[in-house]
Amino acid sequence: MDLKNKIKHLSEKYFDQVTEIRRHLHKHPELSFKETETSKFIISLLKEWEIRFESGIADTGIVAYIVGKNPQKRTIALRADMDALPVVEKNNVPYKSVNNGVMHACGHDAHTASILGTLLILKDLKSDFEGTIKFIFQPAEEKLPGGAKKMIEEGVLENPIPEFIIGQHVYPELPYGKVGFKKGIYMASTDELYLTISGKGGHAAMPDKITNTVLIASQIVVALQKIPQEIAPKDVPTVLTIGKVIANGATNVVPNEVFLEGTFRTMDENNRINIHQEIDKVARNIAEKQGAKVDINIKKGYPVLYNNEDTTEKSIRYAKEYLGEENVVDLGFRMTAEDFAYYSQIIPATFYRLGTSDRDNFTDPLHSPTFNIHEKSLKTGMGTMAYISVCFLNNQ
């Protein structure tokens, strides 16, 4: 039996077990940096399967190892995130979340279960590949500063250093059995904006006696949202949006302070720096000219996610070999963000999408209280990642 068919056979063999793992994880979700029971559950499986691992990285993170022939020859890494979201689940399924207000609404349960399936497959194929595979179980993708950043700081990409890292993410817009790739820049950087406009509030009917913080804040909102169109390069997708305004006055009261919160995303790190500076300049100019002060806090989040051209081209070729050309699609860029981007800033990386919908009835979107996956996608996820991994290790 050739390697591809071995992996397909093993994907079938482990499908029921991986499905049960995914259901357990879905039923017991935990928020970012609080994945204690999730981590214990994964560790219990690794011990049962006699897999070497290290735990306690970034508190709840784990790294497991599968070693083939000539383990020093090459190393690659596979990553799955483990955290859930603060969402009340509305699915009526036997494995519905038992942790009220917490749900795997972004599919990280599927990511973790799928990579555990990949681990089982590659454990059985140790004599069929050369090198070492690091399996990274990462906390806190959903919350700044991000679990990827913390795990990197604690040495997850060292001893040994991987040549390449792979990640996958569920994609409800694509049917199960398919995967999607994009070479080059794929996902945006993300920054959180917090501005406080302060001045002398007072009676709204006496504008000459007060500083109209509400009017000033409104002018700042309009000016900030024009910045991307005015200074961002035309070929660089950029979004700046203020989504929250708190002006806690009354019909006849202008408050002393107005609070603004928003998001800024772009596909270019130089553009990111330039717009940070422009946000500061524009907001201060507007406020100071009208006698107000502004405190600006730009909370820098995840960087741009870059899919290495060479490794992603190879991954696409291997995925087509495994799944068939018709089941591998091209994707566009996304203005959403991912902390997998931190890995992509350090070593060659490929982050791709795993189709998870029924072929006729697409599931509800990510982060919704009714998000779910077609569980046959787990078979595709574990098998595709296993095949890509072995091909990388066996081919220069």
Protein backbone atom coordinates (compact mmCIF):
# COMPACT_ATOMS: atom_id res chain seq x y z
CA MET A 1 0.00 0.00 0.00
CA ASP A 2 1.44 3.39 -0.95
CA LEU A 3 1.79 6.21 1.56
CA LYS A 4 -1.32 8.11 0.47
CA ASN A 5 -3.54 5.08 0.84
CA LYS A 6 -1.94 4.16 4.16
CA ILE A 7 -2.90 7.60 5.49
CA LYS A 8 -6.42 7.36 4.09
CA HIS A 9 -6.79 3.96 5.75
CA LEU A 10 -5.52 5.29 9.08
CA SER A 11 -7.82 8.33 8.84
CA GLU A 12 -10.74 5.90 8.57
CA LYS A 13 -9.35 3.79 11.40
CA TYR A 14 -9.07 6.71 13.84
CA PHE A 15 -12.11 8.69 12.70
CA ASP A 16 -14.52 7.50 15.39
CA GLN A 17 -11.94 8.04 18.14
CA VAL A 18 -11.09 11.54 16.92
CA THR A 19 -14.79 12.38 16.63
CA GLU A 20 -15.30 11.42 20.28
CA ILE A 21 -12.29 13.55 21.26
CA ARG A 22 -13.73 16.52 19.40
CA ARG A 23 -17.13 16.06 21.09
CA HIS A 24 -15.50 15.90 24.52
CA LEU A 25 -13.59 19.12 23.82
CA HIS A 26 -16.71 20.81 22.46
CA LYS A 27 -18.68 19.85 25.55
CA HIS A 28 -16.01 21.21 27.92
CA PRO A 29 -14.78 24.51 26.41
CA GLU A 30 -12.48 26.88 28.28
CA LEU A 31 -11.59 30.52 27.69
CA SER A 32 -8.19 31.89 26.67
CA PHE A 33 -5.36 31.31 29.15
CA LYS A 34 -7.76 29.16 31.23
CA GLU A 35 -7.52 25.88 29.29
CA THR A 36 -6.54 23.87 32.38
CA GLU A 37 -8.88 20.90 31.96
CA THR A 38 -8.35 20.86 28.19
CA SER A 39 -4.61 20.63 28.76
CA LYS A 40 -5.06 17.82 31.30
CA PHE A 41 -7.26 15.92 28.86
CA ILE A 42 -4.68 16.17 26.06
CA ILE A 43 -1.90 15.12 28.44
CA SER A 44 -3.94 12.07 29.50
CA LEU A 45 -4.23 11.00 25.86
CA LEU A 46 -0.52 11.53 25.19
CA LYS A 47 0.36 9.40 28.22
CA GLU A 48 -2.08 6.69 27.14
CA TRP A 49 -0.55 6.69 23.64
CA GLU A 50 3.01 6.75 25.08
CA ILE A 51 3.92 9.99 23.30
CA ARG A 52 6.81 12.12 24.55
CA PHE A 53 5.67 15.65 25.46
CA GLU A 54 6.43 18.81 27.40
CA SER A 55 3.71 20.73 29.22
CA GLY A 56 3.29 24.00 31.12
CA ILE A 57 4.47 26.14 28.21
CA ALA A 58 2.62 29.47 28.42
CA ASP A 59 0.86 27.81 31.39
CA THR A 60 -1.45 25.39 29.54
CA GLY A 61 0.44 24.83 26.28
CA ILE A 62 1.87 21.45 25.30
CA VAL A 63 4.43 20.23 22.76
CA ALA A 64 4.42 16.56 21.74
CA TYR A 65 6.94 14.76 19.56
CA ILE A 66 6.77 12.01 16.93
CA VAL A 67 10.20 10.86 15.79
CA GLY A 68 10.83 9.02 12.54
CA LYS A 69 14.03 7.65 11.07
CA ASN A 70 17.09 9.90 11.35
CA PRO A 71 15.36 12.25 13.84
CA GLN A 72 18.06 14.92 13.61
CA LYS A 73 17.73 15.24 9.85
CA ARG A 74 14.77 17.63 9.70
CA THR A 75 12.10 19.05 12.00
CA ILE A 76 8.70 20.50 11.19
CA ALA A 77 5.94 21.75 13.49
CA LEU A 78 2.15 21.41 13.44
CA ARG A 79 -0.02 23.74 15.51
CA ALA A 80 -3.54 23.65 16.91
CA ASP A 81 -5.19 26.21 19.21
CA MET A 82 -7.31 25.07 22.17
CA ASP A 83 -9.33 28.01 23.55
CA ALA A 84 -13.03 28.80 23.22
CA LEU A 85 -15.09 32.00 23.11
CA PRO A 86 -17.44 33.75 25.57
CA VAL A 87 -20.55 32.69 23.63
CA VAL A 88 -23.72 31.00 24.90
CA GLU A 89 -24.21 27.91 22.73
CA LYS A 90 -27.62 27.42 21.10
CA ASN A 91 -26.96 24.12 19.35
CA ASN A 92 -29.20 21.25 20.41
CA VAL A 93 -26.64 18.44 20.31
CA PRO A 94 -25.61 15.78 22.88
CA TYR A 95 -22.17 17.38 23.17
CA LYS A 96 -23.47 20.91 23.77
CA SER A 97 -21.27 23.02 26.04
CA VAL A 98 -21.77 22.36 29.74
CA ASN A 99 -19.80 25.48 30.65
CA ASN A 100 -22.44 28.19 30.49
CA GLY A 101 -21.40 31.21 28.47
CA VAL A 102 -18.40 29.44 26.92
CA MET A 103 -18.46 27.76 23.50
CA HIS A 104 -16.14 26.41 20.83
CA ALA A 105 -17.71 28.80 18.34
CA CYS A 106 -14.50 29.12 16.32
CA GLY A 107 -13.77 25.43 15.87
CA HIS A 108 -10.66 25.13 18.03
CA ASP A 109 -12.08 21.85 19.34
CA ALA A 110 -11.88 20.55 15.76
CA HIS A 111 -8.35 21.93 15.35
CA THR A 112 -7.15 20.10 18.46
CA ALA A 113 -8.98 16.85 17.68
CA SER A 114 -7.75 16.88 14.09
CA ILE A 115 -4.10 17.35 15.05
CA LEU A 116 -4.43 14.55 17.61
CA GLY A 117 -5.68 12.39 14.77
CA THR A 118 -2.66 13.44 12.71
CA LEU A 119 -0.45 12.47 15.65
CA LEU A 120 -2.00 8.99 15.79
CA ILE A 121 -1.51 8.51 12.05
CA LEU A 122 2.12 9.62 12.11
CA LYS A 123 2.81 7.50 15.19
CA ASP A 124 1.87 4.47 13.08
CA LEU A 125 4.02 5.69 10.18
CA LYS A 126 7.27 6.39 12.05
CA SER A 127 9.19 4.03 9.80
CA ASP A 128 7.89 5.79 6.66
CA PHE A 129 9.44 9.23 7.18
CA GLU A 130 12.66 10.86 8.31
CA GLY A 131 12.97 13.58 10.92
CA THR A 132 11.00 14.92 13.87
CA ILE A 133 7.51 16.42 14.11
CA LYS A 134 6.59 18.86 16.89
CA PHE A 135 2.88 19.03 17.73
CA ILE A 136 2.07 22.40 19.31
CA PHE A 137 -1.12 22.58 21.39
CA GLN A 138 -1.48 26.30 21.91
CA PRO A 139 -3.63 28.28 24.35
CA ALA A 140 -5.28 31.66 23.84
CA GLU A 141 -5.52 32.38 20.15
CA GLU A 142 -8.60 34.49 20.84
CA LYS A 143 -7.13 36.95 23.34
CA LEU A 144 -4.24 39.40 23.21
CA PRO A 145 -1.31 39.10 23.57
CA GLY A 146 -1.99 35.64 22.14
CA GLY A 147 -0.78 32.23 23.14
CA ALA A 148 1.50 31.94 20.11
CA LYS A 149 3.54 34.94 21.24
CA LYS A 150 3.90 33.53 24.76
CA MET A 151 4.85 30.05 23.57
CA ILE A 152 7.47 31.50 21.21
CA GLU A 153 8.91 33.57 24.07
CA GLU A 154 9.15 30.37 26.12
CA GLY A 155 11.08 28.56 23.39
CA VAL A 156 8.51 26.53 21.46
CA LEU A 157 10.39 27.12 18.19
CA GLU A 158 13.72 26.01 19.65
CA ASN A 159 15.48 22.73 20.50
CA PRO A 160 15.03 21.69 17.73
CA ILE A 161 14.18 24.61 15.45
CA PRO A 162 11.47 23.65 12.93
CA GLU A 163 12.16 24.36 9.27
CA PHE A 164 8.46 24.89 8.64
CA ILE A 165 5.16 25.15 10.53
CA ILE A 166 1.66 24.20 9.41
CA GLY A 167 -1.69 25.31 10.81
CA GLN A 168 -5.25 24.76 9.70
CA HIS A 169 -8.54 26.50 10.51
CA VAL A 170 -12.12 25.40 10.01
CA TYR A 171 -13.96 27.14 7.18
CA PRO A 172 -17.77 26.87 7.10
CA GLU A 173 -17.97 28.52 3.67
CA LEU A 174 -16.35 25.40 2.17
CA PRO A 175 -17.84 21.87 2.10
CA TYR A 176 -16.14 19.07 4.00
CA GLY A 177 -13.63 17.15 1.91
CA LYS A 178 -12.10 20.36 0.57
CA VAL A 179 -9.28 22.64 1.71
CA GLY A 180 -8.24 26.15 0.66
CA PHE A 181 -4.89 27.93 0.39
CA LYS A 182 -3.50 31.38 -0.36
CA LYS A 183 0.17 32.05 -0.98
CA GLY A 184 1.78 35.21 0.38
CA ILE A 185 -0.03 37.72 2.58
CA TYR A 186 -3.21 36.06 3.81
CA MET A 187 -4.57 37.65 7.01
CA ALA A 188 -4.41 41.15 8.43
CA SER A 189 -2.65 42.58 11.43
CA THR A 190 -5.02 43.66 14.17
CA ASP A 191 -4.78 46.52 16.67
CA GLU A 192 -7.27 47.76 19.23
CA LEU A 193 -7.86 51.51 19.53
CA TYR A 194 -8.84 53.21 22.79
CA LEU A 195 -9.26 57.00 22.94
CA THR A 196 -10.47 59.19 25.80
CA ILE A 197 -11.47 62.77 24.95
CA SER A 198 -11.62 64.95 28.05
CA GLY A 199 -12.59 68.54 28.71
CA LYS A 200 -14.90 70.77 30.74
CA GLY A 201 -18.41 69.38 30.43
CA GLY A 202 -21.58 71.06 31.53
CA HIS A 203 -24.96 72.38 30.42
CA ALA A 204 -25.61 71.65 26.74
CA ALA A 205 -27.51 74.94 26.38
CA MET A 206 -24.38 76.93 27.29
CA PRO A 207 -21.84 75.95 24.61
CA ASP A 208 -19.67 78.99 25.38
CA LYS A 209 -19.12 77.74 28.94
CA ILE A 210 -18.03 74.18 28.11
CA THR A 211 -15.79 72.04 25.96
CA ASN A 212 -18.06 70.02 23.71
CA THR A 213 -16.39 66.64 24.13
CA VAL A 214 -19.16 64.86 22.20
CA LEU A 215 -18.74 67.07 19.14
CA ILE A 216 -14.95 66.73 19.29
CA ALA A 217 -15.22 62.95 19.61
CA SER A 218 -17.55 62.88 16.60
CA GLN A 219 -15.07 64.84 14.53
CA ILE A 220 -12.28 62.47 15.57
CA VAL A 221 -14.37 59.44 14.57
CA VAL A 222 -14.98 60.84 11.08
CA ALA A 223 -11.34 61.89 10.65
CA LEU A 224 -9.91 58.57 11.83
CA GLN A 225 -12.04 56.52 9.48
CA LYS A 226 -10.79 58.58 6.54
CA ILE A 227 -7.13 57.83 7.28
CA PRO A 228 -6.88 54.53 5.35
CA GLN A 229 -8.23 56.15 2.18
CA GLU A 230 -5.90 59.12 2.54
CA ILE A 231 -2.53 57.56 3.33
CA ALA A 232 -2.65 53.76 2.87
CA PRO A 233 -1.23 52.49 -0.44
CA LYS A 234 -4.04 51.67 -2.84
CA ASP A 235 -2.95 48.04 -3.14
CA VAL A 236 -2.84 47.45 0.62
CA PRO A 237 -6.22 46.45 2.14
CA THR A 238 -6.72 48.55 5.28
CA VAL A 239 -9.65 49.00 7.67
CA LEU A 240 -10.07 51.44 10.55
CA THR A 241 -13.45 51.36 12.29
CA ILE A 242 -14.69 52.89 15.53
CA GLY A 243 -17.25 50.48 16.91
CA LYS A 244 -17.92 51.83 20.39
CA VAL A 245 -18.68 55.36 21.62
CA ILE A 246 -19.56 56.13 25.23
CA ALA A 247 -20.72 59.69 25.95
CA ASN A 248 -22.50 59.34 29.26
CA GLY A 249 -24.24 62.69 29.34
CA ALA A 250 -27.92 63.52 28.94
CA THR A 251 -30.22 65.51 26.66
CA ASN A 252 -28.92 68.70 28.24
CA VAL A 253 -25.58 67.54 29.63
CA VAL A 254 -22.23 67.26 27.85
CA PRO A 255 -19.97 64.87 29.78
CA ASN A 256 -16.41 65.63 30.84
CA GLU A 257 -15.18 62.54 28.99
CA VAL A 258 -16.09 60.60 25.88
CA PHE A 259 -14.64 57.15 25.20
CA LEU A 260 -13.96 55.68 21.77
CA GLU A 261 -12.98 52.11 20.92
CA GLY A 262 -12.20 50.63 17.56
CA THR A 263 -10.17 48.28 15.41
CA PHE A 264 -7.39 48.88 12.90
CA ARG A 265 -6.30 46.21 10.43
CA THR A 266 -3.94 46.19 7.49
CA MET A 267 -1.91 43.85 5.29
CA ASP A 268 1.40 45.72 5.46
CA GLU A 269 3.58 46.23 8.54
CA ASN A 270 5.08 49.52 7.29
CA ASN A 271 1.62 50.86 6.60
CA ARG A 272 0.67 49.76 10.09
CA ILE A 273 3.41 51.92 11.65
CA ASN A 274 2.53 54.93 9.48
CA ILE A 275 -1.15 54.80 10.37
CA HIS A 276 -0.40 54.43 14.09
CA GLN A 277 1.47 57.74 13.84
CA GLU A 278 -1.34 59.34 11.82
CA ILE A 279 -3.99 58.28 14.33
CA ASP A 280 -2.04 60.01 17.08
CA LYS A 281 -1.47 63.18 15.04
CA VAL A 282 -5.03 63.55 13.73
CA ALA A 283 -6.75 62.95 17.07
CA ARG A 284 -4.45 65.32 18.97
CA ASN A 285 -4.81 68.10 16.41
CA ILE A 286 -8.61 68.00 16.51
CA ALA A 287 -8.80 67.85 20.30
CA GLU A 288 -6.18 70.50 21.06
CA LYS A 289 -7.59 73.05 18.61
CA GLN A 290 -10.87 72.97 20.56
CA GLY A 291 -9.42 73.01 24.05
CA ALA A 292 -9.74 69.32 24.83
CA LYS A 293 -7.25 66.63 25.69
CA VAL A 294 -7.08 63.16 24.20
CA ASP A 295 -5.46 60.06 25.64
CA ILE A 296 -4.63 57.53 22.92
CA ASN A 297 -3.89 53.87 23.58
CA ILE A 298 -3.15 51.70 20.55
CA LYS A 299 -3.04 48.13 21.81
CA LYS A 300 -0.86 46.37 19.29
CA GLY A 301 -2.18 42.95 18.39
CA TYR A 302 -1.27 40.19 15.98
CA PRO A 303 0.97 40.90 12.97
CA VAL A 304 0.24 40.20 9.31
CA LEU A 305 0.01 36.48 8.56
CA TYR A 306 2.31 35.58 5.68
CA ASN A 307 2.13 32.19 3.96
CA ASN A 308 5.60 31.39 2.67
CA GLU A 309 5.43 31.16 -1.13
CA ASP A 310 7.61 28.07 -1.48
CA THR A 311 6.25 25.96 1.36
CA THR A 312 2.66 26.90 0.53
CA GLU A 313 3.13 25.98 -3.14
CA LYS A 314 4.45 22.59 -2.03
CA SER A 315 1.59 22.18 0.46
CA ILE A 316 -0.92 22.86 -2.31
CA ARG A 317 0.74 20.25 -4.51
CA TYR A 318 0.73 17.66 -1.72
CA ALA A 319 -2.90 18.45 -0.83
CA LYS A 320 -3.92 17.95 -4.46
CA GLU A 321 -2.12 14.61 -4.53
CA TYR A 322 -3.98 13.51 -1.41
CA LEU A 323 -7.45 14.97 -1.99
CA GLY A 324 -7.60 15.46 -5.75
CA GLU A 325 -7.24 18.77 -7.60
CA GLU A 326 -10.97 19.49 -7.48
CA ASN A 327 -10.88 19.52 -3.68
CA VAL A 328 -8.15 22.14 -3.27
CA VAL A 329 -9.29 25.72 -3.86
CA ASP A 330 -7.69 29.15 -4.02
CA LEU A 331 -8.63 31.65 -1.31
CA GLY A 332 -8.55 35.42 -1.14
CA PHE A 333 -7.09 37.49 1.68
CA ARG A 334 -8.99 37.98 4.94
CA MET A 335 -9.21 41.08 7.13
CA THR A 336 -9.64 38.82 10.15
CA ALA A 337 -6.54 38.11 12.22
CA GLU A 338 -4.77 35.06 13.66
CA ASP A 339 -1.95 34.74 16.17
CA PHE A 340 -0.46 31.98 13.99
CA ALA A 341 0.98 35.08 12.29
CA TYR A 342 3.66 35.24 15.00
CA TYR A 343 5.06 31.91 13.82
CA SER A 344 4.95 33.10 10.20
CA GLN A 345 7.12 36.09 11.11
CA ILE A 346 9.91 33.78 12.33
CA ILE A 347 9.95 30.61 10.20
CA PRO A 348 8.35 29.54 6.89
CA ALA A 349 4.67 28.89 7.53
CA THR A 350 1.52 27.71 5.81
CA PHE A 351 -1.92 28.35 7.26
CA TYR A 352 -4.81 26.85 5.32
CA ARG A 353 -8.56 26.37 5.59
CA LEU A 354 -10.44 23.13 6.21
CA GLY A 355 -13.94 22.89 4.75
CA THR A 356 -16.44 21.90 7.45
CA SER A 357 -19.93 22.32 6.01
CA ASP A 358 -22.41 19.83 4.70
CA ARG A 359 -22.21 19.84 0.92
CA ASP A 360 -25.83 20.99 0.55
CA ASN A 361 -26.44 22.92 3.77
CA PHE A 362 -23.72 25.31 4.84
CA THR A 363 -23.36 25.75 8.57
CA ASP A 364 -23.72 28.97 10.50
CA PRO A 365 -20.69 31.29 10.57
CA LEU A 366 -17.74 31.29 12.93
CA HIS A 367 -18.30 32.96 16.32
CA SER A 368 -22.07 32.42 16.10
CA PRO A 369 -23.95 30.56 18.89
CA THR A 370 -25.07 27.90 16.39
CA PHE A 371 -21.73 27.24 14.70
CA ASN A 372 -20.94 23.57 14.24
CA ILE A 373 -18.98 21.35 11.85
CA HIS A 374 -19.75 18.34 9.71
CA GLU A 375 -17.64 15.81 11.54
CA LYS A 376 -16.44 14.07 8.37
CA SER A 377 -14.21 17.12 7.97
CA LEU A 378 -12.05 15.71 10.79
CA LYS A 379 -11.10 12.83 8.50
CA THR A 380 -9.97 15.32 5.85
CA GLY A 381 -8.16 17.47 8.40
CA MET A 382 -6.09 14.77 10.06
CA GLY A 383 -5.26 12.99 6.81
CA THR A 384 -4.31 16.07 4.82
CA MET A 385 -2.01 17.38 7.53
CA ALA A 386 -0.39 13.96 7.93
CA TYR A 387 0.23 13.61 4.20
CA ILE A 388 1.66 17.14 3.83
CA SER A 389 3.92 16.52 6.85
CA VAL A 390 5.36 13.26 5.57
CA CYS A 391 5.89 14.68 2.09
CA PHE A 392 7.84 17.61 3.52
CA LEU A 393 10.03 15.39 5.63
CA ASN A 394 10.79 12.94 2.83
CA ASN A 395 11.40 15.52 0.06
CA GLN A 396 13.97 18.31 0.00
